[in-house]
PDB file of N, CA and C in Angstrom:
ATOM      1  N   MET A   1     -11.343 -10.395  18.238  1.00  0.00           N
ATOM      2  CA  MET A   1     -10.614  -8.689  17.291  1.00  0.00           C
ATOM      3  C   MET A   1     -11.584  -8.641  16.473  1.00  0.00           C
ATOM      4  N   ALA A   2     -12.273  -7.183  16.620  1.00  0.00           N
ATOM      5  CA  ALA A   2     -13.122  -6.598  15.285  1.00  0.00           C
ATOM      6  C   ALA A   2     -11.867  -5.718  14.211  1.00  0.00           C
ATOM      7  N   SER A   3     -12.333  -6.008  13.056  1.00  0.00           N
ATOM      8  CA  SER A   3     -11.272  -5.609  12.135  1.00  0.00           C
ATOM      9  C   SER A   3     -10.949  -4.037  12.165  1.00  0.00           C
ATOM     10  N   SER A   4     -11.698  -3.440  13.097  1.00  0.00           N
ATOM     11  CA  SER A   4     -11.379  -2.058  13.123  1.00  0.00           C
ATOM     12  C   SER A   4     -10.308  -2.011  14.217  1.00  0.00           C
ATOM     13  N   ASP A   5     -10.177  -3.135  15.019  1.00  0.00           N
ATOM     14  CA  ASP A   5      -9.289  -2.921  16.303  1.00  0.00           C
ATOM     15  C   ASP A   5      -7.581  -3.032  15.472  1.00  0.00           C
ATOM     16  N   VAL A   6      -7.771  -3.248  14.494  1.00  0.00           N
ATOM     17  CA  VAL A   6      -6.065  -3.637  13.996  1.00  0.00           C
ATOM     18  C   VAL A   6      -5.567  -2.259  13.817  1.00  0.00           C
ATOM     19  N   LYS A   7      -4.392  -2.291  14.622  1.00  0.00           N
ATOM     20  CA  LYS A   7      -3.677  -1.132  14.945  1.00  0.00           C
ATOM     21  C   LYS A   7      -2.193  -1.379  14.560  1.00  0.00           C
ATOM     22  N   PRO A   8      -1.140  -0.916  14.338  1.00  0.00           N
ATOM     23  CA  PRO A   8       0.108  -1.002  14.073  1.00  0.00           C
ATOM     24  C   PRO A   8       0.653  -0.845  15.410  1.00  0.00           C
ATOM     25  N   LYS A   9       1.939  -1.665  16.098  1.00  0.00           N
ATOM     26  CA  LYS A   9       2.539  -1.895  17.051  1.00  0.00           C
ATOM     27  C   LYS A   9       3.833  -1.025  16.706  1.00  0.00           C
ATOM     28  N   SER A  10       4.338  -1.287  15.474  1.00  0.00           N
ATOM     29  CA  SER A  10       5.544  -0.089  15.396  1.00  0.00           C
ATOM     30  C   SER A  10       5.649   0.171  13.755  1.00  0.00           C
ATOM     31  N   ILE A  11       6.982   0.816  13.853  1.00  0.00           N
ATOM     32  CA  ILE A  11       7.153   1.533  12.412  1.00  0.00           C
ATOM     33  C   ILE A  11       8.653   1.437  12.050  1.00  0.00           C
ATOM     34  N   SER A  12       8.735   1.255  10.810  1.00  0.00           N
ATOM     35  CA  SER A  12      10.162   1.719  10.620  1.00  0.00           C
ATOM     36  C   SER A  12      10.129   2.170   9.123  1.00  0.00           C
ATOM     37  N   ARG A  13      11.221   2.549   8.808  1.00  0.00           N
ATOM     38  CA  ARG A  13      11.196   3.130   7.078  1.00  0.00           C
ATOM     39  C   ARG A  13      12.272   2.240   6.293  1.00  0.00           C
ATOM     40  N   ALA A  14      11.650   2.327   4.903  1.00  0.00           N
ATOM     41  CA  ALA A  14      12.451   0.935   4.058  1.00  0.00           C
ATOM     42  C   ALA A  14      13.855   1.432   3.731  1.00  0.00           C
ATOM     43  N   LYS A  15      14.364   0.726   3.365  1.00  0.00           N
ATOM     44  CA  LYS A  15      16.047   0.692   3.566  1.00  0.00           C
ATOM     45  C   LYS A  15      16.058   0.503   1.876  1.00  0.00           C
ATOM     46  N   LYS A  16      16.013  -0.396   1.438  1.00  0.00           N
ATOM     47  CA  LYS A  16      15.980  -0.482  -0.121  1.00  0.00           C
ATOM     48  C   LYS A  16      14.496  -1.150  -0.709  1.00  0.00           C
ATOM     49  N   TRP A  17      14.733  -1.087  -2.008  1.00  0.00           N
ATOM     50  CA  TRP A  17      13.601  -1.460  -2.818  1.00  0.00           C
ATOM     51  C   TRP A  17      13.371  -3.035  -3.023  1.00  0.00           C
ATOM     52  N   SER A  18      11.930  -3.257  -3.223  1.00  0.00           N
ATOM     53  CA  SER A  18      11.471  -4.577  -2.818  1.00  0.00           C
ATOM     54  C   SER A  18      10.108  -4.669  -3.589  1.00  0.00           C
ATOM     55  N   ASP A  19       9.593  -5.763  -3.902  1.00  0.00           N
ATOM     56  CA  ASP A  19       8.343  -6.009  -4.307  1.00  0.00           C
ATOM     57  C   ASP A  19       6.832  -5.660  -3.188  1.00  0.00           C
ATOM     58  N   GLU A  20       7.455  -5.884  -2.177  1.00  0.00           N
ATOM     59  CA  GLU A  20       6.822  -5.427  -0.754  1.00  0.00           C
ATOM     60  C   GLU A  20       6.694  -3.991  -0.539  1.00  0.00           C
ATOM     61  N   ILE A  21       7.972  -3.264  -0.569  1.00  0.00           N
ATOM     62  CA  ILE A  21       8.136  -2.003  -0.783  1.00  0.00           C
ATOM     63  C   ILE A  21       7.429  -1.279  -1.857  1.00  0.00           C
ATOM     64  N   GLU A  22       7.146  -1.820  -2.983  1.00  0.00           N
ATOM     65  CA  GLU A  22       6.451  -0.846  -4.110  1.00  0.00           C
ATOM     66  C   GLU A  22       5.110  -0.689  -3.787  1.00  0.00           C
ATOM     67  N   ASN A  23       4.469  -1.895  -3.260  1.00  0.00           N
ATOM     68  CA  ASN A  23       3.186  -2.123  -3.176  1.00  0.00           C
ATOM     69  C   ASN A  23       2.581  -1.052  -1.867  1.00  0.00           C
ATOM     70  N   LEU A  24       3.437  -1.135  -0.818  1.00  0.00           N
ATOM     71  CA  LEU A  24       3.364  -0.071   0.200  1.00  0.00           C
ATOM     72  C   LEU A  24       3.511   1.042  -0.157  1.00  0.00           C
ATOM     73  N   TYR A  25       4.642   1.554  -1.221  1.00  0.00           N
ATOM     74  CA  TYR A  25       4.293   3.050  -1.849  1.00  0.00           C
ATOM     75  C   TYR A  25       3.315   3.088  -2.169  1.00  0.00           C
ATOM     76  N   ARG A  26       2.754   2.538  -3.148  1.00  0.00           N
ATOM     77  CA  ARG A  26       1.255   2.747  -3.563  1.00  0.00           C
ATOM     78  C   ARG A  26       0.090   2.927  -2.804  1.00  0.00           C
ATOM     79  N   PHE A  27      -0.262   1.946  -1.510  1.00  0.00           N
ATOM     80  CA  PHE A  27      -0.850   2.228  -0.694  1.00  0.00           C
ATOM     81  C   PHE A  27      -0.648   3.585  -0.020  1.00  0.00           C
ATOM     82  N   GLN A  28       0.296   4.114   0.352  1.00  0.00           N
ATOM     83  CA  GLN A  28       0.919   5.244   1.131  1.00  0.00           C
ATOM     84  C   GLN A  28       0.700   6.216   0.143  1.00  0.00           C
ATOM     85  N   GLN A  29       0.855   6.617  -1.007  1.00  0.00           N
ATOM     86  CA  GLN A  29       0.301   7.677  -1.893  1.00  0.00           C
ATOM     87  C   GLN A  29      -1.071   7.595  -1.937  1.00  0.00           C
ATOM     88  N   ALA A  30      -2.163   6.587  -1.818  1.00  0.00           N
ATOM     89  CA  ALA A  30      -3.192   6.871  -1.948  1.00  0.00           C
ATOM     90  C   ALA A  30      -4.143   7.168  -0.409  1.00  0.00           C
ATOM     91  N   GLY A  31      -3.065   7.168   0.459  1.00  0.00           N
ATOM     92  CA  GLY A  31      -3.658   7.672   1.562  1.00  0.00           C
ATOM     93  C   GLY A  31      -3.758   6.383   2.883  1.00  0.00           C
ATOM     94  N   TYR A  32      -3.137   5.608   2.910  1.00  0.00           N
ATOM     95  CA  TYR A  32      -3.435   4.400   3.315  1.00  0.00           C
ATOM     96  C   TYR A  32      -2.302   3.842   4.223  1.00  0.00           C
ATOM     97  N   ARG A  33      -2.115   3.428   5.526  1.00  0.00           N
ATOM     98  CA  ARG A  33      -0.755   2.391   6.054  1.00  0.00           C
ATOM     99  C   ARG A  33      -0.436   1.359   5.028  1.00  0.00           C
ATOM    100  N   ASP A  34      -1.250   0.651   4.499  1.00  0.00           N
ATOM    101  CA  ASP A  34      -0.811  -0.298   4.074  1.00  0.00           C
ATOM    102  C   ASP A  34      -2.161  -1.228   3.535  1.00  0.00           C
ATOM    103  N   GLU A  35      -2.067  -2.355   2.796  1.00  0.00           N
ATOM    104  CA  GLU A  35      -3.076  -3.198   2.257  1.00  0.00           C
ATOM    105  C   GLU A  35      -4.334  -3.686   3.312  1.00  0.00           C
ATOM    106  N   THR A  36      -3.614  -3.619   4.473  1.00  0.00           N
ATOM    107  CA  THR A  36      -4.585  -4.564   5.870  1.00  0.00           C
ATOM    108  C   THR A  36      -5.488  -3.067   6.257  1.00  0.00           C
ATOM    109  N   GLU A  37      -4.930  -1.605   6.028  1.00  0.00           N
ATOM    110  CA  GLU A  37      -5.734  -0.266   6.427  1.00  0.00           C
ATOM    111  C   GLU A  37      -7.021  -0.038   5.434  1.00  0.00           C
ATOM    112  N   TYR A  38      -6.458  -0.679   3.885  1.00  0.00           N
ATOM    113  CA  TYR A  38      -7.210  -0.304   3.069  1.00  0.00           C
ATOM    114  C   TYR A  38      -8.466  -1.322   2.575  1.00  0.00           C
ATOM    115  N   LYS A  39      -8.308  -2.368   3.332  1.00  0.00           N
ATOM    116  CA  LYS A  39      -9.588  -3.385   3.414  1.00  0.00           C
ATOM    117  C   LYS A  39     -10.180  -2.617   4.461  1.00  0.00           C
ATOM    118  N   GLN A  40      -9.400  -2.544   5.638  1.00  0.00           N
ATOM    119  CA  GLN A  40     -10.376  -2.271   6.693  1.00  0.00           C
ATOM    120  C   GLN A  40     -11.432  -1.017   6.425  1.00  0.00           C
ATOM    121  N   VAL A  41     -10.974   0.177   5.675  1.00  0.00           N
ATOM    122  CA  VAL A  41     -11.527   1.393   5.334  1.00  0.00           C
ATOM    123  C   VAL A  41     -12.596   1.149   4.278  1.00  0.00           C
ATOM    124  N   LYS A  42     -12.451   0.217   3.303  1.00  0.00           N
ATOM    125  CA  LYS A  42     -12.991   0.488   1.812  1.00  0.00           C
ATOM    126  C   LYS A  42     -13.971  -0.895   1.798  1.00  0.00           C
ATOM    127  N   GLN A  43     -13.892  -1.563   3.220  1.00  0.00           N
ATOM    128  CA  GLN A  43     -14.386  -2.801   3.013  1.00  0.00           C
ATOM    129  C   GLN A  43     -14.135  -3.946   1.812  1.00  0.00           C
ATOM    130  N   VAL A  44     -13.304  -4.086   1.262  1.00  0.00           N
ATOM    131  CA  VAL A  44     -12.920  -4.778   0.006  1.00  0.00           C
ATOM    132  C   VAL A  44     -12.366  -6.085   0.773  1.00  0.00           C
ATOM    133  N   SER A  45     -12.420  -7.129  -0.402  1.00  0.00           N
ATOM    134  CA  SER A  45     -11.693  -8.341   0.180  1.00  0.00           C
ATOM    135  C   SER A  45     -10.665  -8.429  -0.787  1.00  0.00           C
ATOM    136  N   MET A  46     -10.502  -7.799  -1.759  1.00  0.00           N
ATOM    137  CA  MET A  46      -9.583  -8.427  -2.843  1.00  0.00           C
ATOM    138  C   MET A  46      -8.823  -6.823  -3.371  1.00  0.00           C
ATOM    139  N   VAL A  47      -7.715  -6.680  -3.691  1.00  0.00           N
ATOM    140  CA  VAL A  47      -6.995  -5.589  -4.217  1.00  0.00           C
ATOM    141  C   VAL A  47      -7.026  -5.840  -5.466  1.00  0.00           C
ATOM    142  N   ASP A  48      -7.166  -4.913  -6.471  1.00  0.00           N
ATOM    143  CA  ASP A  48      -7.004  -5.097  -8.140  1.00  0.00           C
ATOM    144  C   ASP A  48      -5.372  -4.944  -8.188  1.00  0.00           C
ATOM    145  N   ARG A  49      -4.663  -5.997  -9.010  1.00  0.00           N
ATOM    146  CA  ARG A  49      -3.337  -6.238  -9.093  1.00  0.00           C
ATOM    147  C   ARG A  49      -3.200  -6.859 -10.561  1.00  0.00           C
ATOM    148  N   TRP A  50      -1.869  -6.457 -10.966  1.00  0.00           N
ATOM    149  CA  TRP A  50      -1.445  -6.571 -12.066  1.00  0.00           C
ATOM    150  C   TRP A  50      -1.071  -7.714 -12.140  1.00  0.00           C
ATOM    151  N   PRO A  51      -1.605  -9.099 -13.106  1.00  0.00           N
ATOM    152  CA  PRO A  51      -1.268 -10.484 -12.793  1.00  0.00           C
ATOM    153  C   PRO A  51       0.052 -10.926 -13.329  1.00  0.00           C
ATOM    154  N   GLU A  52       0.581  -9.821 -14.120  1.00  0.00           N
ATOM    155  CA  GLU A  52       2.468 -10.030 -14.267  1.00  0.00           C
ATOM    156  C   GLU A  52       3.072 -10.136 -13.376  1.00  0.00           C
ATOM    157  N   THR A  53       3.021  -8.729 -12.360  1.00  0.00           N
ATOM    158  CA  THR A  53       4.187  -8.445 -11.430  1.00  0.00           C
ATOM    159  C   THR A  53       3.502  -8.665 -10.041  1.00  0.00           C
ATOM    160  N   GLY A  54       2.046  -8.719  -9.993  1.00  0.00           N
ATOM    161  CA  GLY A  54       1.749  -8.831  -8.322  1.00  0.00           C
ATOM    162  C   GLY A  54       1.354  -7.339  -8.099  1.00  0.00           C
ATOM    163  N   TYR A  55       1.832  -6.291  -8.655  1.00  0.00           N
ATOM    164  CA  TYR A  55       1.410  -4.948  -7.986  1.00  0.00           C
ATOM    165  C   TYR A  55       0.470  -4.455  -7.910  1.00  0.00           C
ATOM    166  N   VAL A  56      -0.020  -3.461  -7.152  1.00  0.00           N
ATOM    167  CA  VAL A  56      -1.231  -2.924  -7.097  1.00  0.00           C
ATOM    168  C   VAL A  56      -1.639  -2.220  -8.191  1.00  0.00           C
ATOM    169  N   LYS A  57      -2.903  -2.378  -8.632  1.00  0.00           N
ATOM    170  CA  LYS A  57      -3.286  -1.958 -10.214  1.00  0.00           C
ATOM    171  C   LYS A  57      -3.893  -0.532 -10.212  1.00  0.00           C
ATOM    172  N   LYS A  58      -4.825  -0.667  -9.120  1.00  0.00           N
ATOM    173  CA  LYS A  58      -5.770   0.217  -8.916  1.00  0.00           C
ATOM    174  C   LYS A  58      -6.512   0.435  -7.227  1.00  0.00           C
ATOM    175  N   LEU A  59      -6.322   1.681  -6.830  1.00  0.00           N
ATOM    176  CA  LEU A  59      -6.875   1.919  -5.588  1.00  0.00           C
ATOM    177  C   LEU A  59      -7.525   3.128  -5.352  1.00  0.00           C
ATOM    178  N   GLN A  60      -8.413   2.915  -4.423  1.00  0.00           N
ATOM    179  CA  GLN A  60      -9.617   4.127  -4.265  1.00  0.00           C
ATOM    180  C   GLN A  60      -9.420   4.971  -3.154  1.00  0.00           C
ATOM    181  N   ARG A  61      -9.158   6.079  -3.125  1.00  0.00           N
ATOM    182  CA  ARG A  61      -8.771   7.065  -2.336  1.00  0.00           C
ATOM    183  C   ARG A  61      -9.887   7.326  -1.135  1.00  0.00           C
ATOM    184  N   ARG A  62      -9.360   7.797   0.084  1.00  0.00           N
ATOM    185  CA  ARG A  62     -10.733   8.216   0.883  1.00  0.00           C
ATOM    186  C   ARG A  62     -11.845   9.005   0.280  1.00  0.00           C
ATOM    187  N   ASP A  63     -11.383  10.186  -0.658  1.00  0.00           N
ATOM    188  CA  ASP A  63     -12.207  10.794  -1.000  1.00  0.00           C
ATOM    189  C   ASP A  63     -13.074   9.969  -2.550  1.00  0.00           C
ATOM    190  N   ASN A  64     -13.119   8.917  -2.417  1.00  0.00           N
ATOM    191  CA  ASN A  64     -13.400   8.522  -3.721  1.00  0.00           C
ATOM    192  C   ASN A  64     -13.099   8.180  -5.053  1.00  0.00           C
ATOM    193  N   THR A  65     -11.603   9.356  -5.264  1.00  0.00           N
ATOM    194  CA  THR A  65     -11.402   9.177  -6.555  1.00  0.00           C
ATOM    195  C   THR A  65     -10.448   7.884  -6.499  1.00  0.00           C
ATOM    196  N   PHE A  66     -10.015   7.793  -8.145  1.00  0.00           N
ATOM    197  CA  PHE A  66      -8.952   6.306  -8.063  1.00  0.00           C
ATOM    198  C   PHE A  66      -7.491   6.821  -8.448  1.00  0.00           C
ATOM    199  N   TYR A  67      -6.790   6.065  -7.928  1.00  0.00           N
ATOM    200  CA  TYR A  67      -5.540   6.201  -8.518  1.00  0.00           C
ATOM    201  C   TYR A  67      -5.283   4.820  -9.171  1.00  0.00           C
ATOM    202  N   TYR A  68      -4.476   4.997 -10.326  1.00  0.00           N
ATOM    203  CA  TYR A  68      -4.383   3.795 -11.432  1.00  0.00           C
ATOM    204  C   TYR A  68      -2.683   3.915 -11.501  1.00  0.00           C
ATOM    205  N   TYR A  69      -2.041   2.472 -11.370  1.00  0.00           N
ATOM    206  CA  TYR A  69      -0.526   2.493 -11.358  1.00  0.00           C
ATOM    207  C   TYR A  69      -0.401   1.313 -12.405  1.00  0.00           C
ATOM    208  N   ASN A  70       1.068   1.794 -13.165  1.00  0.00           N
ATOM    209  CA  ASN A  70       1.504   0.839 -14.272  1.00  0.00           C
ATOM    210  C   ASN A  70       1.972  -0.582 -13.426  1.00  0.00           C
ATOM    211  N   LYS A  71       1.894  -1.359 -14.445  1.00  0.00           N
ATOM    212  CA  LYS A  71       2.705  -2.441 -14.551  1.00  0.00           C
ATOM    213  C   LYS A  71       4.458  -2.379 -14.065  1.00  0.00           C
ATOM    214  N   GLN A  72       4.786  -1.704 -14.418  1.00  0.00           N
ATOM    215  CA  GLN A  72       6.078  -1.068 -13.721  1.00  0.00           C
ATOM    216  C   GLN A  72       6.544  -0.808 -12.613  1.00  0.00           C
ATOM    217  N   ARG A  73       7.644  -0.825 -12.214  1.00  0.00           N
ATOM    218  CA  ARG A  73       8.170  -0.471 -10.723  1.00  0.00           C
ATOM    219  C   ARG A  73       7.831   1.272 -10.938  1.00  0.00           C
ATOM    220  N   GLU A  74       7.154   1.768  -9.617  1.00  0.00           N
ATOM    221  CA  GLU A  74       6.995   3.555  -9.826  1.00  0.00           C
ATOM    222  C   GLU A  74       7.725   4.117  -8.687  1.00  0.00           C
ATOM    223  N   CYS A  75       8.403   3.161  -7.613  1.00  0.00           N
ATOM    224  CA  CYS A  75       8.967   3.592  -6.835  1.00  0.00           C
ATOM    225  C   CYS A  75      10.599   3.667  -7.045  1.00  0.00           C
ATOM    226  N   ASN A  76      10.796   5.297  -6.990  1.00  0.00           N
ATOM    227  CA  ASN A  76      12.334   5.439  -7.607  1.00  0.00           C
ATOM    228  C   ASN A  76      13.060   5.428  -6.090  1.00  0.00           C
ATOM    229  N   ASP A  77      14.408   4.879  -6.386  1.00  0.00           N
ATOM    230  CA  ASP A  77      15.364   5.004  -5.314  1.00  0.00           C
ATOM    231  C   ASP A  77      15.462   5.600  -4.462  1.00  0.00           C
ATOM    232  N   LYS A  78      15.082   7.316  -4.738  1.00  0.00           N
ATOM    233  CA  LYS A  78      15.280   8.412  -3.810  1.00  0.00           C
ATOM    234  C   LYS A  78      14.035   8.602  -3.243  1.00  0.00           C
ATOM    235  N   GLU A  79      12.598   7.885  -3.366  1.00  0.00           N
ATOM    236  CA  GLU A  79      11.386   7.688  -2.797  1.00  0.00           C
ATOM    237  C   GLU A  79      11.566   6.845  -1.666  1.00  0.00           C
ATOM    238  N   VAL A  80      12.238   5.417  -1.782  1.00  0.00           N
ATOM    239  CA  VAL A  80      12.180   4.281  -0.845  1.00  0.00           C
ATOM    240  C   VAL A  80      12.339   4.923   0.453  1.00  0.00           C
ATOM    241  N   HIS A  81      13.010   5.819   0.872  1.00  0.00           N
ATOM    242  CA  HIS A  81      13.372   6.106   2.405  1.00  0.00           C
ATOM    243  C   HIS A  81      11.932   6.698   2.996  1.00  0.00           C
ATOM    244  N   LYS A  82      11.058   7.048   2.315  1.00  0.00           N
ATOM    245  CA  LYS A  82       9.915   7.669   2.696  1.00  0.00           C
ATOM    246  C   LYS A  82       8.688   6.674   2.889  1.00  0.00           C
ATOM    247  N   VAL A  83       8.967   5.238   2.523  1.00  0.00           N
ATOM    248  CA  VAL A  83       8.093   4.629   2.619  1.00  0.00           C
ATOM    249  C   VAL A  83       7.935   3.989   4.078  1.00  0.00           C
ATOM    250  N   LYS A  84       6.704   3.642   4.793  1.00  0.00           N
ATOM    251  CA  LYS A  84       6.721   3.329   6.175  1.00  0.00           C
ATOM    252  C   LYS A  84       6.528   1.685   6.107  1.00  0.00           C
ATOM    253  N   ILE A  85       7.095   1.076   7.176  1.00  0.00           N
ATOM    254  CA  ILE A  85       6.940  -0.303   7.101  1.00  0.00           C
ATOM    255  C   ILE A  85       5.893  -0.584   8.514  1.00  0.00           C
ATOM    256  N   TYR A  86       5.020  -0.738   8.319  1.00  0.00           N
ATOM    257  CA  TYR A  86       3.934  -1.239   9.744  1.00  0.00           C
ATOM    258  C   TYR A  86       4.471  -2.715  10.194  1.00  0.00           C
ATOM    259  N   ALA A  87       4.235  -2.885  11.832  1.00  0.00           N
ATOM    260  CA  ALA A  87       4.356  -4.213  12.006  1.00  0.00           C
ATOM    261  C   ALA A  87       3.188  -4.079  12.796  1.00  0.00           C
ATOM    262  N   TYR A  88       2.484  -5.356  12.948  1.00  0.00           N
ATOM    263  CA  TYR A  88       1.098  -5.432  13.983  1.00  0.00           C
ATOM    264  C   TYR A  88       1.470  -6.595  14.744  1.00  0.00           C
TER     265      TYR A  88
END
């Protein structure tokens, strides 16, 4: 299967915050479903992460501008329900 063939089979919404939800929130703010789609589109093997927390540090949007994120949590409780979780 080619990497461009990877499509999600189902989708659900986040109910409560976790480290995984935090990273999905950051990818979705930058215009991607998740890390899988980001790596597919940008043709990168690694994503910049904060070593202390493991959260995504920097993402490049499709228009080639960059989003930079803090070490701390950025996804507020009121934003959690907007995060989509894709299953492959």
